[in-house]
Amino acid sequence: MAKLAFLGLGVMGYPMAGHLAKAGHEVCVYNRTTAKAKAWAAEFGGGFAPTPREAAEGADLVMACVGNDDDLRGVCLGADGAFAGMGEGAIFVDHTTVSAKVTRELHGTGAEAGIAFVDAPVSGGQAGAENGQLVIMCGGEADVYARAEPVMNAYAKLCKRLGESGAGQLCKMVNQICIAGLVQGLSEGLHFAEKAGLDGREVVEVIGGGAAGSWQMVNRFETMIDDEFEHGFAVDWMRKDLGICLDTADETGASLPVTALVDQFYKDVQKMGGGRWDTSSLFKRLRKMG
């Protein structure tokens, strides 16, 4: 069992930290809203600290799941940042979806202080976090990853190293690019079925087991048809992720025309007031268009 810190108790981080505590690790948490950290400690029996530095002091591994590049820098750097409290040989594991640029930046900064860094973005959403069934895509040195993997397995159904620092974030970008196209395709298919007078549920029953089937179809078609979007991965966060994908594509020379188009469709959803709706709300956009 290890001494751990977990920084960021959002819809993902709260249950992830809980799984670590249930696995028998000694966990100290930090959250910008202290009340949430206190609630977590009361529920799972761990500790909480008022700053990332204090949470990270003496920890073997420090995990983080925050919002974006700036949030990650904020919990890592500065007098109250986690790096200031971590000892030589400790490992920082970042579960936030951020740019590969900030990952490599913090990897280098940590290395100067003898701190190892693994980028480990996750896929599986809130349900995956709560059920301990996340897919974790990782980047960093092989020996460092080997030390971190057994701890991450507390909330993973699959955990894999893809390469050196930044490789995990690049893989997560591939994940989001694929999801964007899949959700738009599913939305158009259901919209077409509706306009053609077909029963969407019967259509999915027929095509869901064939080549058109996907996780999105299995898990989202019913809520899409029922106009229910107050769940799942928020459009605001998806646009943040797609922005990272598109910026990285500009740097690498990759062509992402469908991703760029779907990003604009999500912008339309935001204008509809759907920034916190699930990403499957692309279907609601089509319904509104008639």
C-alpha atoms as a PDB file:
ATOM      1  CA  MET A   1       0.000   0.000   0.000  1.00  0.00           C
ATOM      2  CA  ALA A   2       1.178   3.498  -0.825  1.00  0.00           C
ATOM      3  CA  LYS A   3       0.856   6.979   0.585  1.00  0.00           C
ATOM      4  CA  LEU A   4      -1.030   9.002  -2.020  1.00  0.00           C
ATOM      5  CA  ALA A   5      -2.399  12.451  -2.722  1.00  0.00           C
ATOM      6  CA  PHE A   6      -5.271  13.208  -5.089  1.00  0.00           C
ATOM      7  CA  LEU A   7      -5.785  16.736  -6.416  1.00  0.00           C
ATOM      8  CA  GLY A   8      -9.183  17.658  -7.889  1.00  0.00           C
ATOM      9  CA  LEU A   9     -12.471  16.136  -6.751  1.00  0.00           C
ATOM     10  CA  GLY A  10     -14.787  16.741  -9.678  1.00  0.00           C
ATOM     11  CA  VAL A  11     -17.179  14.190 -11.126  1.00  0.00           C
ATOM     12  CA  MET A  12     -14.177  12.071 -12.122  1.00  0.00           C
ATOM     13  CA  GLY A  13     -11.677  12.730  -9.354  1.00  0.00           C
ATOM     14  CA  TYR A  14     -14.027  12.209  -6.411  1.00  0.00           C
ATOM     15  CA  PRO A  15     -14.820   8.547  -7.175  1.00  0.00           C
ATOM     16  CA  MET A  16     -11.299   7.837  -8.459  1.00  0.00           C
ATOM     17  CA  ALA A  17      -9.796   8.964  -5.156  1.00  0.00           C
ATOM     18  CA  GLY A  18     -12.441   6.875  -3.426  1.00  0.00           C
ATOM     19  CA  HIS A  19     -11.302   3.731  -5.222  1.00  0.00           C
ATOM     20  CA  LEU A  20      -7.743   4.362  -4.044  1.00  0.00           C
ATOM     21  CA  ALA A  21      -8.910   4.623  -0.446  1.00  0.00           C
ATOM     22  CA  LYS A  22     -11.034   1.478  -0.783  1.00  0.00           C
ATOM     23  CA  ALA A  23      -7.970  -0.347  -2.117  1.00  0.00           C
ATOM     24  CA  GLY A  24      -6.253   0.332   1.195  1.00  0.00           C
ATOM     25  CA  HIS A  25      -3.976   3.218   0.248  1.00  0.00           C
ATOM     26  CA  GLU A  26      -3.448   6.169   2.567  1.00  0.00           C
ATOM     27  CA  VAL A  27      -4.991   9.058   0.629  1.00  0.00           C
ATOM     28  CA  CYS A  28      -4.908  12.807   1.277  1.00  0.00           C
ATOM     29  CA  VAL A  29      -7.029  14.939  -1.051  1.00  0.00           C
ATOM     30  CA  TYR A  30      -7.064  18.560  -2.155  1.00  0.00           C
ATOM     31  CA  ASN A  31      -9.860  20.470  -3.856  1.00  0.00           C
ATOM     32  CA  ARG A  32     -10.317  24.179  -4.527  1.00  0.00           C
ATOM     33  CA  THR A  33     -13.598  23.938  -2.637  1.00  0.00           C
ATOM     34  CA  THR A  34     -12.501  22.737   0.783  1.00  0.00           C
ATOM     35  CA  ALA A  35     -16.019  21.631   1.716  1.00  0.00           C
ATOM     36  CA  LYS A  36     -15.873  18.971  -0.983  1.00  0.00           C
ATOM     37  CA  ALA A  37     -12.518  17.727   0.292  1.00  0.00           C
ATOM     38  CA  LYS A  38     -13.957  17.494   3.797  1.00  0.00           C
ATOM     39  CA  ALA A  39     -16.969  15.580   2.482  1.00  0.00           C
ATOM     40  CA  TRP A  40     -14.696  13.140   0.647  1.00  0.00           C
ATOM     41  CA  ALA A  41     -12.582  12.582   3.765  1.00  0.00           C
ATOM     42  CA  ALA A  42     -15.702  11.949   5.832  1.00  0.00           C
ATOM     43  CA  GLU A  43     -17.013   9.437   3.289  1.00  0.00           C
ATOM     44  CA  PHE A  44     -13.817   7.509   2.612  1.00  0.00           C
ATOM     45  CA  GLY A  45     -11.828   8.006   5.792  1.00  0.00           C
ATOM     46  CA  GLY A  46      -8.839   9.742   4.220  1.00  0.00           C
ATOM     47  CA  GLY A  47      -7.300  13.099   4.940  1.00  0.00           C
ATOM     48  CA  PHE A  48      -7.536  16.482   3.242  1.00  0.00           C
ATOM     49  CA  ALA A  49      -5.231  19.473   2.960  1.00  0.00           C
ATOM     50  CA  PRO A  50      -5.731  23.177   2.179  1.00  0.00           C
ATOM     51  CA  THR A  51      -3.052  23.307  -0.554  1.00  0.00           C
ATOM     52  CA  PRO A  52      -1.651  20.910  -3.148  1.00  0.00           C
ATOM     53  CA  ARG A  53       1.758  21.190  -1.490  1.00  0.00           C
ATOM     54  CA  GLU A  54       0.483  20.033   1.883  1.00  0.00           C
ATOM     55  CA  ALA A  55      -1.506  17.206   0.315  1.00  0.00           C
ATOM     56  CA  ALA A  56       1.574  16.024  -1.587  1.00  0.00           C
ATOM     57  CA  GLU A  57       4.056  16.104   1.300  1.00  0.00           C
ATOM     58  CA  GLY A  58       5.480  12.640   1.869  1.00  0.00           C
ATOM     59  CA  ALA A  59       3.357  11.043  -0.870  1.00  0.00           C
ATOM     60  CA  ASP A  60       4.751   8.252  -3.016  1.00  0.00           C
ATOM     61  CA  LEU A  61       2.411   9.226  -5.848  1.00  0.00           C
ATOM     62  CA  VAL A  62       0.352  12.348  -6.453  1.00  0.00           C
ATOM     63  CA  MET A  63      -2.613  11.999  -8.807  1.00  0.00           C
ATOM     64  CA  ALA A  64      -4.431  14.948 -10.366  1.00  0.00           C
ATOM     65  CA  CYS A  65      -7.666  15.360 -12.301  1.00  0.00           C
ATOM     66  CA  VAL A  66      -8.362  19.061 -12.815  1.00  0.00           C
ATOM     67  CA  GLY A  67      -9.731  21.206 -15.658  1.00  0.00           C
ATOM     68  CA  ASN A  68      -7.193  22.412 -18.198  1.00  0.00           C
ATOM     69  CA  ASP A  69      -3.563  23.392 -18.832  1.00  0.00           C
ATOM     70  CA  ASP A  70      -3.672  26.412 -16.514  1.00  0.00           C
ATOM     71  CA  ASP A  71      -5.374  24.446 -13.733  1.00  0.00           C
ATOM     72  CA  LEU A  72      -2.711  21.765 -13.986  1.00  0.00           C
ATOM     73  CA  ARG A  73       0.114  24.285 -13.805  1.00  0.00           C
ATOM     74  CA  GLY A  74      -1.646  25.848 -10.836  1.00  0.00           C
ATOM     75  CA  VAL A  75      -1.708  22.646  -8.765  1.00  0.00           C
ATOM     76  CA  CYS A  76       1.848  21.668  -9.748  1.00  0.00           C
ATOM     77  CA  LEU A  77       3.884  24.868  -9.579  1.00  0.00           C
ATOM     78  CA  GLY A  78       4.527  27.714  -7.175  1.00  0.00           C
ATOM     79  CA  ALA A  79       5.055  27.867  -3.425  1.00  0.00           C
ATOM     80  CA  ASP A  80       1.790  26.011  -2.739  1.00  0.00           C
ATOM     81  CA  GLY A  81       2.063  23.637  -5.707  1.00  0.00           C
ATOM     82  CA  ALA A  82       2.436  19.884  -5.400  1.00  0.00           C
ATOM     83  CA  PHE A  83       5.987  19.860  -6.769  1.00  0.00           C
ATOM     84  CA  ALA A  84       7.096  21.962  -3.797  1.00  0.00           C
ATOM     85  CA  GLY A  85       5.888  19.285  -1.411  1.00  0.00           C
ATOM     86  CA  MET A  86       7.001  16.177  -3.285  1.00  0.00           C
ATOM     87  CA  GLY A  87      10.199  14.382  -2.412  1.00  0.00           C
ATOM     88  CA  GLU A  88      12.817  13.063  -4.813  1.00  0.00           C
ATOM     89  CA  GLY A  89      11.641   9.856  -6.443  1.00  0.00           C
ATOM     90  CA  ALA A  90       7.935  10.606  -6.038  1.00  0.00           C
ATOM     91  CA  ILE A  91       5.662  10.271  -9.071  1.00  0.00           C
ATOM     92  CA  PHE A  92       3.087  12.780 -10.325  1.00  0.00           C
ATOM     93  CA  VAL A  93       0.291  11.114 -12.327  1.00  0.00           C
ATOM     94  CA  ASP A  94      -1.866  13.513 -14.340  1.00  0.00           C
ATOM     95  CA  HIS A  95      -5.326  12.260 -15.300  1.00  0.00           C
ATOM     96  CA  THR A  96      -6.415  15.633 -16.729  1.00  0.00           C
ATOM     97  CA  THR A  97      -6.964  15.951 -20.476  1.00  0.00           C
ATOM     98  CA  VAL A  98      -4.476  18.668 -21.403  1.00  0.00           C
ATOM     99  CA  SER A  99      -2.070  19.517 -24.208  1.00  0.00           C
ATOM    100  CA  ALA A 100       1.016  17.420 -24.815  1.00  0.00           C
ATOM    101  CA  LYS A 101       2.916  20.714 -24.611  1.00  0.00           C
ATOM    102  CA  VAL A 102       2.102  21.353 -20.941  1.00  0.00           C
ATOM    103  CA  THR A 103       2.693  17.676 -20.175  1.00  0.00           C
ATOM    104  CA  ARG A 104       6.222  17.813 -21.543  1.00  0.00           C
ATOM    105  CA  GLU A 105       6.813  21.151 -19.831  1.00  0.00           C
ATOM    106  CA  LEU A 106       5.857  19.774 -16.415  1.00  0.00           C
ATOM    107  CA  HIS A 107       7.680  16.520 -17.084  1.00  0.00           C
ATOM    108  CA  GLY A 108      10.853  18.536 -17.584  1.00  0.00           C
ATOM    109  CA  THR A 109      10.264  20.793 -14.580  1.00  0.00           C
ATOM    110  CA  GLY A 110       9.621  17.800 -12.361  1.00  0.00           C
ATOM    111  CA  ALA A 111      12.727  15.992 -13.594  1.00  0.00           C
ATOM    112  CA  GLU A 112      14.890  18.913 -12.458  1.00  0.00           C
ATOM    113  CA  ALA A 113      13.676  18.271  -8.906  1.00  0.00           C
ATOM    114  CA  GLY A 114      13.879  14.493  -9.130  1.00  0.00           C
ATOM    115  CA  ILE A 115      10.115  14.122  -9.554  1.00  0.00           C
ATOM    116  CA  ALA A 116       8.811  11.654 -12.148  1.00  0.00           C
ATOM    117  CA  PHE A 117       5.763  12.499 -14.277  1.00  0.00           C
ATOM    118  CA  VAL A 118       3.240  10.280 -16.051  1.00  0.00           C
ATOM    119  CA  ASP A 119       0.566  11.719 -18.322  1.00  0.00           C
ATOM    120  CA  ALA A 120      -2.452   9.455 -17.887  1.00  0.00           C
ATOM    121  CA  PRO A 121      -5.682  10.885 -19.353  1.00  0.00           C
ATOM    122  CA  VAL A 122      -8.738   8.692 -18.997  1.00  0.00           C
ATOM    123  CA  SER A 123     -11.766   7.633 -21.007  1.00  0.00           C
ATOM    124  CA  GLY A 124     -15.003   6.163 -19.721  1.00  0.00           C
ATOM    125  CA  GLY A 125     -16.771   9.182 -18.284  1.00  0.00           C
ATOM    126  CA  GLN A 126     -18.385   9.585 -14.894  1.00  0.00           C
ATOM    127  CA  ALA A 127     -19.836   6.070 -14.961  1.00  0.00           C
ATOM    128  CA  GLY A 128     -16.401   4.612 -15.668  1.00  0.00           C
ATOM    129  CA  ALA A 129     -14.898   6.550 -12.781  1.00  0.00           C
ATOM    130  CA  GLU A 130     -17.640   5.495 -10.370  1.00  0.00           C
ATOM    131  CA  ASN A 131     -17.439   1.836 -11.422  1.00  0.00           C
ATOM    132  CA  GLY A 132     -13.631   1.709 -11.543  1.00  0.00           C
ATOM    133  CA  GLN A 133     -13.753   0.866 -15.254  1.00  0.00           C
ATOM    134  CA  LEU A 134     -11.687   3.615 -16.864  1.00  0.00           C
ATOM    135  CA  VAL A 135      -9.360   3.244 -19.829  1.00  0.00           C
ATOM    136  CA  ILE A 136      -6.083   5.006 -19.030  1.00  0.00           C
ATOM    137  CA  MET A 137      -3.646   5.985 -21.780  1.00  0.00           C
ATOM    138  CA  CYS A 138      -0.177   6.837 -20.512  1.00  0.00           C
ATOM    139  CA  GLY A 139       3.072   8.492 -21.471  1.00  0.00           C
ATOM    140  CA  GLY A 140       6.390   8.620 -19.625  1.00  0.00           C
ATOM    141  CA  GLU A 141       9.421   6.515 -18.829  1.00  0.00           C
ATOM    142  CA  ALA A 142       8.739   2.767 -18.809  1.00  0.00           C
ATOM    143  CA  ASP A 143      10.153   2.191 -15.320  1.00  0.00           C
ATOM    144  CA  VAL A 144       8.129   5.051 -13.846  1.00  0.00           C
ATOM    145  CA  TYR A 145       4.964   3.781 -15.498  1.00  0.00           C
ATOM    146  CA  ALA A 146       5.616   0.305 -14.101  1.00  0.00           C
ATOM    147  CA  ARG A 147       5.629   1.768 -10.580  1.00  0.00           C
ATOM    148  CA  ALA A 148       2.443   3.766 -11.121  1.00  0.00           C
ATOM    149  CA  GLU A 149       0.343   1.181 -12.970  1.00  0.00           C
ATOM    150  CA  PRO A 150      -0.537  -1.033  -9.972  1.00  0.00           C
ATOM    151  CA  VAL A 151      -1.951   2.008  -8.162  1.00  0.00           C
ATOM    152  CA  MET A 152      -3.942   3.227 -11.184  1.00  0.00           C
ATOM    153  CA  ASN A 153      -5.445  -0.236 -11.558  1.00  0.00           C
ATOM    154  CA  ALA A 154      -7.715   0.614  -8.611  1.00  0.00           C
ATOM    155  CA  TYR A 155      -9.984   2.428 -11.085  1.00  0.00           C
ATOM    156  CA  ALA A 156      -8.926   1.005 -14.463  1.00  0.00           C
ATOM    157  CA  LYS A 157     -10.233  -1.738 -16.700  1.00  0.00           C
ATOM    158  CA  LEU A 158      -7.316  -1.082 -19.064  1.00  0.00           C
ATOM    159  CA  CYS A 159      -4.122   0.847 -18.455  1.00  0.00           C
ATOM    160  CA  LYS A 160      -1.442   1.074 -21.149  1.00  0.00           C
ATOM    161  CA  ARG A 161       1.750   3.027 -21.808  1.00  0.00           C
ATOM    162  CA  LEU A 162       1.912   4.397 -25.370  1.00  0.00           C
ATOM    163  CA  GLY A 163       5.385   5.943 -25.299  1.00  0.00           C
ATOM    164  CA  GLU A 164       7.408   8.773 -23.819  1.00  0.00           C
ATOM    165  CA  SER A 165       6.065  11.921 -22.172  1.00  0.00           C
ATOM    166  CA  GLY A 166       3.035  13.306 -24.027  1.00  0.00           C
ATOM    167  CA  ALA A 167       2.093  10.024 -25.705  1.00  0.00           C
ATOM    168  CA  GLY A 168      -0.865   9.510 -23.390  1.00  0.00           C
ATOM    169  CA  GLN A 169      -2.286  12.939 -24.185  1.00  0.00           C
ATOM    170  CA  LEU A 170      -1.808  12.383 -27.916  1.00  0.00           C
ATOM    171  CA  CYS A 171      -3.712   9.089 -27.630  1.00  0.00           C
ATOM    172  CA  LYS A 172      -6.522  10.870 -25.763  1.00  0.00           C
ATOM    173  CA  MET A 173      -6.728  13.328 -28.663  1.00  0.00           C
ATOM    174  CA  VAL A 174      -7.255  10.385 -31.030  1.00  0.00           C
ATOM    175  CA  ASN A 175     -10.002   9.180 -28.692  1.00  0.00           C
ATOM    176  CA  GLN A 176     -11.820  12.522 -28.769  1.00  0.00           C
ATOM    177  CA  ILE A 177     -11.435  12.886 -32.541  1.00  0.00           C
ATOM    178  CA  CYS A 178     -13.066   9.485 -33.033  1.00  0.00           C
ATOM    179  CA  ILE A 179     -15.880  10.218 -30.584  1.00  0.00           C
ATOM    180  CA  ALA A 180     -16.726  13.519 -32.276  1.00  0.00           C
ATOM    181  CA  GLY A 181     -17.292  11.858 -35.633  1.00  0.00           C
ATOM    182  CA  LEU A 182     -19.159   8.907 -34.130  1.00  0.00           C
ATOM    183  CA  VAL A 183     -21.614  11.053 -32.181  1.00  0.00           C
ATOM    184  CA  GLN A 184     -22.338  13.255 -35.176  1.00  0.00           C
ATOM    185  CA  GLY A 185     -22.892  10.196 -37.362  1.00  0.00           C
ATOM    186  CA  LEU A 186     -25.215   8.624 -34.790  1.00  0.00           C
ATOM    187  CA  SER A 187     -27.107  11.907 -34.433  1.00  0.00           C
ATOM    188  CA  GLU A 188     -27.591  12.178 -38.188  1.00  0.00           C
ATOM    189  CA  GLY A 189     -28.697   8.545 -38.414  1.00  0.00           C
ATOM    190  CA  LEU A 190     -31.311   8.912 -35.684  1.00  0.00           C
ATOM    191  CA  HIS A 191     -32.437  12.227 -37.150  1.00  0.00           C
ATOM    192  CA  PHE A 192     -32.838  10.638 -40.574  1.00  0.00           C
ATOM    193  CA  ALA A 193     -34.796   7.718 -39.090  1.00  0.00           C
ATOM    194  CA  GLU A 194     -37.099  10.118 -37.259  1.00  0.00           C
ATOM    195  CA  LYS A 195     -37.775  12.195 -40.379  1.00  0.00           C
ATOM    196  CA  ALA A 196     -38.363   9.063 -42.432  1.00  0.00           C
ATOM    197  CA  GLY A 197     -41.015   7.845 -40.010  1.00  0.00           C
ATOM    198  CA  LEU A 198     -39.042   4.957 -38.558  1.00  0.00           C
ATOM    199  CA  ASP A 199     -38.933   3.947 -34.892  1.00  0.00           C
ATOM    200  CA  GLY A 200     -35.414   4.815 -33.753  1.00  0.00           C
ATOM    201  CA  ARG A 201     -35.359   2.089 -31.107  1.00  0.00           C
ATOM    202  CA  GLU A 202     -36.291  -0.579 -33.630  1.00  0.00           C
ATOM    203  CA  VAL A 203     -33.673   0.751 -36.042  1.00  0.00           C
ATOM    204  CA  VAL A 204     -30.938   0.506 -33.410  1.00  0.00           C
ATOM    205  CA  GLU A 205     -32.105  -2.998 -32.469  1.00  0.00           C
ATOM    206  CA  VAL A 206     -31.469  -4.033 -36.067  1.00  0.00           C
ATOM    207  CA  ILE A 207     -28.264  -2.164 -36.863  1.00  0.00           C
ATOM    208  CA  GLY A 208     -26.671  -2.026 -33.402  1.00  0.00           C
ATOM    209  CA  GLY A 209     -25.209  -5.511 -33.645  1.00  0.00           C
ATOM    210  CA  GLY A 210     -23.690  -4.913 -37.060  1.00  0.00           C
ATOM    211  CA  ALA A 211     -21.002  -2.730 -38.544  1.00  0.00           C
ATOM    212  CA  ALA A 212     -22.763   0.486 -37.483  1.00  0.00           C
ATOM    213  CA  GLY A 213     -22.694  -0.452 -33.798  1.00  0.00           C
ATOM    214  CA  SER A 214     -20.629   1.528 -31.279  1.00  0.00           C
ATOM    215  CA  TRP A 215     -20.396   2.313 -27.562  1.00  0.00           C
ATOM    216  CA  GLN A 216     -22.107   5.616 -28.269  1.00  0.00           C
ATOM    217  CA  MET A 217     -25.005   3.850 -29.975  1.00  0.00           C
ATOM    218  CA  VAL A 218     -25.475   1.290 -27.212  1.00  0.00           C
ATOM    219  CA  ASN A 219     -25.201   3.752 -24.348  1.00  0.00           C
ATOM    220  CA  ARG A 220     -26.714   6.938 -25.749  1.00  0.00           C
ATOM    221  CA  PHE A 221     -29.399   6.205 -28.354  1.00  0.00           C
ATOM    222  CA  GLU A 222     -32.269   5.926 -25.862  1.00  0.00           C
ATOM    223  CA  THR A 223     -31.477   9.153 -24.003  1.00  0.00           C
ATOM    224  CA  MET A 224     -31.009  10.926 -27.342  1.00  0.00           C
ATOM    225  CA  ILE A 225     -34.426   9.787 -28.566  1.00  0.00           C
ATOM    226  CA  ASP A 226     -35.969  10.752 -25.206  1.00  0.00           C
ATOM    227  CA  ASP A 227     -34.358  14.232 -25.359  1.00  0.00           C
ATOM    228  CA  GLU A 228     -32.406  13.650 -22.138  1.00  0.00           C
ATOM    229  CA  PHE A 229     -28.964  15.265 -21.997  1.00  0.00           C
ATOM    230  CA  GLU A 230     -28.422  16.178 -18.338  1.00  0.00           C
ATOM    231  CA  HIS A 231     -25.740  13.530 -17.859  1.00  0.00           C
ATOM    232  CA  GLY A 232     -22.385  12.349 -19.162  1.00  0.00           C
ATOM    233  CA  PHE A 233     -19.476  14.302 -20.605  1.00  0.00           C
ATOM    234  CA  ALA A 234     -20.269  17.997 -20.977  1.00  0.00           C
ATOM    235  CA  VAL A 235     -20.137  19.863 -24.283  1.00  0.00           C
ATOM    236  CA  ASP A 236     -17.980  22.589 -22.682  1.00  0.00           C
ATOM    237  CA  TRP A 237     -15.313  20.037 -21.853  1.00  0.00           C
ATOM    238  CA  MET A 238     -15.558  18.390 -25.259  1.00  0.00           C
ATOM    239  CA  ARG A 239     -14.943  21.738 -26.947  1.00  0.00           C
ATOM    240  CA  LYS A 240     -11.912  22.241 -24.727  1.00  0.00           C
ATOM    241  CA  ASP A 241     -10.611  18.823 -25.777  1.00  0.00           C
ATOM    242  CA  LEU A 242     -11.329  19.347 -29.478  1.00  0.00           C
ATOM    243  CA  GLY A 243      -9.550  22.694 -29.299  1.00  0.00           C
ATOM    244  CA  ILE A 244      -6.456  20.855 -28.091  1.00  0.00           C
ATOM    245  CA  CYS A 245      -6.840  18.361 -30.949  1.00  0.00           C
ATOM    246  CA  LEU A 246      -7.152  21.094 -33.574  1.00  0.00           C
ATOM    247  CA  ASP A 247      -4.210  23.093 -32.192  1.00  0.00           C
ATOM    248  CA  THR A 248      -2.043  19.970 -32.190  1.00  0.00           C
ATOM    249  CA  ALA A 249      -3.163  19.134 -35.738  1.00  0.00           C
ATOM    250  CA  ASP A 250      -1.926  22.569 -36.840  1.00  0.00           C
ATOM    251  CA  GLU A 251       1.437  21.797 -35.236  1.00  0.00           C
ATOM    252  CA  THR A 252       1.777  18.319 -36.745  1.00  0.00           C
ATOM    253  CA  GLY A 253       0.221  18.962 -40.146  1.00  0.00           C
ATOM    254  CA  ALA A 254      -2.665  16.537 -39.602  1.00  0.00           C
ATOM    255  CA  SER A 255      -5.936  17.190 -41.441  1.00  0.00           C
ATOM    256  CA  LEU A 256      -9.056  17.111 -39.237  1.00  0.00           C
ATOM    257  CA  PRO A 257     -11.931  18.501 -41.335  1.00  0.00           C
ATOM    258  CA  VAL A 258     -14.693  16.481 -39.639  1.00  0.00           C
ATOM    259  CA  THR A 259     -13.382  17.312 -36.169  1.00  0.00           C
ATOM    260  CA  ALA A 260     -13.304  21.019 -37.023  1.00  0.00           C
ATOM    261  CA  LEU A 261     -16.884  20.853 -38.319  1.00  0.00           C
ATOM    262  CA  VAL A 262     -18.223  18.974 -35.289  1.00  0.00           C
ATOM    263  CA  ASP A 263     -16.467  21.449 -33.008  1.00  0.00           C
ATOM    264  CA  GLN A 264     -18.549  24.191 -34.614  1.00  0.00           C
ATOM    265  CA  PHE A 265     -21.695  22.115 -34.161  1.00  0.00           C
ATOM    266  CA  TYR A 266     -20.875  21.915 -30.460  1.00  0.00           C
ATOM    267  CA  LYS A 267     -20.499  25.683 -30.496  1.00  0.00           C
ATOM    268  CA  ASP A 268     -24.087  25.818 -31.766  1.00  0.00           C
ATOM    269  CA  VAL A 269     -25.147  23.616 -28.836  1.00  0.00           C
ATOM    270  CA  GLN A 270     -23.463  26.019 -26.435  1.00  0.00           C
ATOM    271  CA  LYS A 271     -25.433  28.876 -27.978  1.00  0.00           C
ATOM    272  CA  MET A 272     -28.578  26.819 -27.301  1.00  0.00           C
ATOM    273  CA  GLY A 273     -27.654  26.855 -23.609  1.00  0.00           C
ATOM    274  CA  GLY A 274     -26.287  23.328 -23.708  1.00  0.00           C
ATOM    275  CA  GLY A 275     -22.745  23.815 -22.455  1.00  0.00           C
ATOM    276  CA  ARG A 276     -23.337  21.339 -19.636  1.00  0.00           C
ATOM    277  CA  TRP A 277     -25.367  18.902 -21.735  1.00  0.00           C
ATOM    278  CA  ASP A 278     -23.917  15.541 -22.679  1.00  0.00           C
ATOM    279  CA  THR A 279     -22.006  15.397 -25.961  1.00  0.00           C
ATOM    280  CA  SER A 280     -24.834  13.371 -27.514  1.00  0.00           C
ATOM    281  CA  SER A 281     -26.812  16.636 -27.615  1.00  0.00           C
ATOM    282  CA  LEU A 282     -25.645  17.025 -31.211  1.00  0.00           C
ATOM    283  CA  PHE A 283     -28.921  15.214 -31.901  1.00  0.00           C
ATOM    284  CA  LYS A 284     -30.874  17.972 -30.145  1.00  0.00           C
ATOM    285  CA  ARG A 285     -29.186  20.488 -32.447  1.00  0.00           C
ATOM    286  CA  LEU A 286     -30.487  18.602 -35.488  1.00  0.00           C
ATOM    287  CA  ARG A 287     -33.984  18.380 -34.049  1.00  0.00           C
ATOM    288  CA  LYS A 288     -33.983  22.124 -33.481  1.00  0.00           C
ATOM    289  CA  MET A 289     -32.956  22.689 -37.096  1.00  0.00           C
ATOM    290  CA  GLY A 290     -36.024  20.723 -38.126  1.00  0.00           C
END
